[in-house]
Amino acid sequence: MATAEDEPIQHHGALVGWTHEDLGDRVMICMQSRRPLSPDGMADETRLMMTKNQAAVLANYLFGISGRLPQPARKRRWFA
């Protein structure tokens, strides 16, 4: 029989910032969010580690639902 302790915890809030750390073949993303009516005004922080392939899939998904296109790669200049 499942109890309330077995249920995953769900947090709802607004994304207010993020940072990332390149770890070679993986990426650590740190996201800051604010919960509605948070009494202390503090931001929650969530850290997620993912492969670079997972990061690319997530990025493509976000581009798709936002209706925007990724920035084209800049051409390298001769003296670069």
N, C-alpha and C. Protein backbone atom coordinates (compact mmCIF):
# COMPACT_ATOMS: atom_id res chain seq x y z
N MET A 1 0.84 -1.17 0.00
CA MET A 1 0.00 0.00 0.00
C MET A 1 0.89 1.25 0.00
N ALA A 2 0.64 2.18 -0.91
CA ALA A 2 1.44 3.39 -1.02
C ALA A 2 1.02 4.41 0.03
N THR A 3 1.99 5.10 0.57
CA THR A 3 1.71 6.15 1.55
C THR A 3 2.12 7.49 0.96
N ALA A 4 1.79 8.56 1.66
CA ALA A 4 2.16 9.90 1.20
C ALA A 4 3.68 10.04 1.11
N GLU A 5 4.41 9.30 1.94
CA GLU A 5 5.87 9.37 1.91
C GLU A 5 6.44 8.76 0.64
N ASP A 6 5.69 7.88 -0.03
CA ASP A 6 6.15 7.24 -1.26
C ASP A 6 5.95 8.13 -2.48
N GLU A 7 5.13 9.17 -2.36
CA GLU A 7 4.83 10.04 -3.48
C GLU A 7 6.00 11.00 -3.73
N PRO A 8 6.32 11.26 -4.99
CA PRO A 8 7.38 12.23 -5.27
C PRO A 8 6.94 13.63 -4.85
N ILE A 9 7.90 14.42 -4.43
CA ILE A 9 7.62 15.80 -4.03
C ILE A 9 7.60 16.67 -5.28
N GLN A 10 6.56 17.46 -5.42
CA GLN A 10 6.46 18.37 -6.55
C GLN A 10 6.55 19.80 -6.04
N HIS A 11 7.40 20.58 -6.69
CA HIS A 11 7.56 21.99 -6.35
C HIS A 11 7.11 22.81 -7.54
N HIS A 12 6.39 23.87 -7.28
CA HIS A 12 5.93 24.77 -8.33
C HIS A 12 6.47 26.16 -8.03
N GLY A 13 7.02 26.78 -9.04
CA GLY A 13 7.56 28.12 -8.84
C GLY A 13 7.94 28.74 -10.18
N ALA A 14 8.49 29.92 -10.12
CA ALA A 14 8.93 30.63 -11.31
C ALA A 14 10.46 30.60 -11.38
N LEU A 15 10.98 30.25 -12.55
CA LEU A 15 12.42 30.24 -12.75
C LEU A 15 12.93 31.68 -12.74
N VAL A 16 13.90 31.98 -11.89
CA VAL A 16 14.42 33.35 -11.79
C VAL A 16 15.89 33.44 -12.18
N GLY A 17 16.54 32.32 -12.36
CA GLY A 17 17.94 32.35 -12.78
C GLY A 17 18.52 30.96 -12.90
N TRP A 18 19.64 30.87 -13.56
CA TRP A 18 20.32 29.60 -13.68
C TRP A 18 21.80 29.83 -14.00
N THR A 19 22.59 28.85 -13.67
CA THR A 19 24.00 28.83 -14.03
C THR A 19 24.32 27.42 -14.49
N HIS A 20 25.49 27.26 -15.07
CA HIS A 20 25.90 25.91 -15.46
C HIS A 20 27.40 25.75 -15.22
N GLU A 21 27.81 24.52 -15.14
CA GLU A 21 29.22 24.19 -14.97
C GLU A 21 29.54 23.06 -15.94
N ASP A 22 30.54 23.28 -16.79
CA ASP A 22 30.97 22.28 -17.75
C ASP A 22 31.87 21.28 -17.03
N LEU A 23 31.48 20.02 -17.04
CA LEU A 23 32.23 18.97 -16.35
C LEU A 23 32.79 17.96 -17.34
N GLY A 24 33.23 18.42 -18.48
CA GLY A 24 33.77 17.52 -19.49
C GLY A 24 32.67 16.93 -20.33
N ASP A 25 32.33 15.65 -20.10
CA ASP A 25 31.27 15.02 -20.89
C ASP A 25 29.89 15.21 -20.25
N ARG A 26 29.84 15.95 -19.15
CA ARG A 26 28.57 16.22 -18.46
C ARG A 26 28.45 17.71 -18.16
N VAL A 27 27.24 18.11 -17.80
CA VAL A 27 26.95 19.50 -17.46
C VAL A 27 26.16 19.50 -16.15
N MET A 28 26.53 20.41 -15.24
CA MET A 28 25.75 20.61 -14.01
C MET A 28 24.98 21.91 -14.20
N ILE A 29 23.67 21.84 -14.12
CA ILE A 29 22.82 23.03 -14.23
C ILE A 29 22.25 23.33 -12.86
N CYS A 30 22.37 24.57 -12.44
CA CYS A 30 21.81 25.02 -11.17
C CYS A 30 20.71 26.02 -11.49
N MET A 31 19.48 25.69 -11.10
CA MET A 31 18.34 26.56 -11.39
C MET A 31 17.81 27.15 -10.09
N GLN A 32 17.55 28.46 -10.11
CA GLN A 32 16.97 29.14 -8.96
C GLN A 32 15.51 29.45 -9.30
N SER A 33 14.63 29.16 -8.34
CA SER A 33 13.21 29.43 -8.55
C SER A 33 12.61 30.04 -7.30
N ARG A 34 11.50 30.73 -7.50
CA ARG A 34 10.77 31.34 -6.39
C ARG A 34 9.38 30.75 -6.35
N ARG A 35 8.94 30.36 -5.17
CA ARG A 35 7.58 29.85 -4.99
C ARG A 35 6.63 31.03 -4.81
N PRO A 36 5.42 30.88 -5.32
CA PRO A 36 4.44 31.96 -5.11
C PRO A 36 4.19 32.16 -3.61
N LEU A 37 4.13 33.39 -3.23
CA LEU A 37 3.83 33.76 -1.84
C LEU A 37 4.82 33.19 -0.84
N SER A 38 6.07 33.06 -1.27
CA SER A 38 7.11 32.57 -0.37
C SER A 38 7.31 33.58 0.75
N PRO A 39 7.11 33.19 2.01
CA PRO A 39 7.18 34.15 3.10
C PRO A 39 8.57 34.74 3.32
N ASP A 40 9.61 33.98 3.05
CA ASP A 40 10.95 34.48 3.32
C ASP A 40 11.60 35.16 2.12
N GLY A 41 11.00 35.04 0.94
CA GLY A 41 11.55 35.68 -0.25
C GLY A 41 12.80 35.02 -0.78
N MET A 42 13.19 33.89 -0.20
CA MET A 42 14.40 33.19 -0.63
C MET A 42 14.11 32.36 -1.87
N ALA A 43 15.12 32.19 -2.70
CA ALA A 43 14.99 31.36 -3.90
C ALA A 43 15.38 29.93 -3.56
N ASP A 44 14.65 28.98 -4.11
CA ASP A 44 15.02 27.58 -4.02
C ASP A 44 16.08 27.30 -5.08
N GLU A 45 16.92 26.33 -4.83
CA GLU A 45 17.96 25.99 -5.79
C GLU A 45 17.90 24.50 -6.08
N THR A 46 17.94 24.16 -7.36
CA THR A 46 17.92 22.77 -7.80
C THR A 46 19.12 22.55 -8.70
N ARG A 47 19.88 21.51 -8.41
CA ARG A 47 21.04 21.17 -9.24
C ARG A 47 20.76 19.87 -9.97
N LEU A 48 21.00 19.88 -11.28
CA LEU A 48 20.78 18.71 -12.11
C LEU A 48 22.05 18.41 -12.90
N MET A 49 22.48 17.16 -12.89
CA MET A 49 23.61 16.75 -13.70
C MET A 49 23.07 15.98 -14.89
N MET A 50 23.57 16.29 -16.07
CA MET A 50 23.12 15.60 -17.27
C MET A 50 24.26 15.46 -18.25
N THR A 51 24.11 14.51 -19.16
CA THR A 51 25.10 14.38 -20.22
C THR A 51 24.92 15.55 -21.18
N LYS A 52 25.93 15.80 -21.98
CA LYS A 52 25.79 16.88 -22.96
C LYS A 52 24.74 16.54 -24.01
N ASN A 53 24.55 15.26 -24.27
CA ASN A 53 23.49 14.86 -25.19
C ASN A 53 22.12 15.19 -24.59
N GLN A 54 21.92 14.92 -23.30
CA GLN A 54 20.66 15.27 -22.65
C GLN A 54 20.45 16.78 -22.68
N ALA A 55 21.51 17.54 -22.48
CA ALA A 55 21.41 19.00 -22.51
C ALA A 55 20.99 19.48 -23.89
N ALA A 56 21.53 18.86 -24.94
CA ALA A 56 21.17 19.24 -26.31
C ALA A 56 19.71 18.90 -26.60
N VAL A 57 19.26 17.75 -26.15
CA VAL A 57 17.86 17.36 -26.35
C VAL A 57 16.94 18.33 -25.62
N LEU A 58 17.28 18.68 -24.38
CA LEU A 58 16.48 19.64 -23.62
C LEU A 58 16.47 21.00 -24.31
N ALA A 59 17.61 21.45 -24.78
CA ALA A 59 17.69 22.74 -25.47
C ALA A 59 16.82 22.75 -26.72
N ASN A 60 16.88 21.69 -27.52
CA ASN A 60 16.05 21.61 -28.73
C ASN A 60 14.57 21.60 -28.38
N TYR A 61 14.21 20.91 -27.30
CA TYR A 61 12.82 20.89 -26.86
C TYR A 61 12.37 22.31 -26.47
N LEU A 62 13.18 23.00 -25.70
CA LEU A 62 12.81 24.35 -25.27
C LEU A 62 12.72 25.32 -26.44
N PHE A 63 13.64 25.19 -27.42
CA PHE A 63 13.54 26.01 -28.62
C PHE A 63 12.22 25.72 -29.34
N GLY A 64 11.85 24.45 -29.43
CA GLY A 64 10.63 24.07 -30.13
C GLY A 64 9.39 24.63 -29.48
N ILE A 65 9.26 24.51 -28.16
CA ILE A 65 8.03 24.99 -27.52
C ILE A 65 8.00 26.51 -27.40
N SER A 66 9.17 27.15 -27.49
CA SER A 66 9.19 28.62 -27.41
C SER A 66 8.89 29.26 -28.76
N GLY A 67 9.00 28.47 -29.84
CA GLY A 67 8.77 29.03 -31.16
C GLY A 67 9.95 29.81 -31.69
N ARG A 68 11.07 29.71 -31.04
CA ARG A 68 12.27 30.43 -31.48
C ARG A 68 13.27 29.45 -32.07
N LEU A 69 14.22 29.99 -32.79
CA LEU A 69 15.28 29.18 -33.39
C LEU A 69 16.58 29.40 -32.64
N PRO A 70 17.45 28.38 -32.60
CA PRO A 70 18.75 28.59 -31.96
C PRO A 70 19.57 29.61 -32.74
N GLN A 71 20.46 30.28 -32.05
CA GLN A 71 21.35 31.25 -32.70
C GLN A 71 22.27 30.50 -33.66
N PRO A 72 22.42 31.00 -34.89
CA PRO A 72 23.33 30.33 -35.83
C PRO A 72 24.77 30.48 -35.34
N ALA A 73 25.59 29.50 -35.64
CA ALA A 73 27.00 29.56 -35.26
C ALA A 73 27.66 30.70 -36.03
N ARG A 74 28.45 31.48 -35.32
CA ARG A 74 29.15 32.60 -35.97
C ARG A 74 30.31 32.06 -36.78
N LYS A 75 30.51 32.64 -37.95
CA LYS A 75 31.63 32.23 -38.78
C LYS A 75 32.92 32.71 -38.14
N ARG A 76 33.92 31.84 -38.18
CA ARG A 76 35.23 32.23 -37.66
C ARG A 76 35.93 33.11 -38.67
N ARG A 77 36.50 34.14 -38.18
CA ARG A 77 37.25 35.04 -39.08
C ARG A 77 38.66 34.48 -39.31
N TRP A 78 39.26 34.95 -40.35
CA TRP A 78 40.57 34.46 -40.73
C TRP A 78 41.59 34.61 -39.61
N PHE A 79 41.56 35.73 -38.88
CA PHE A 79 42.57 35.99 -37.85
C PHE A 79 42.15 35.47 -36.48
N ALA A 80 41.07 34.74 -36.38
CA ALA A 80 40.59 34.26 -35.07
C ALA A 80 41.45 33.16 -34.53
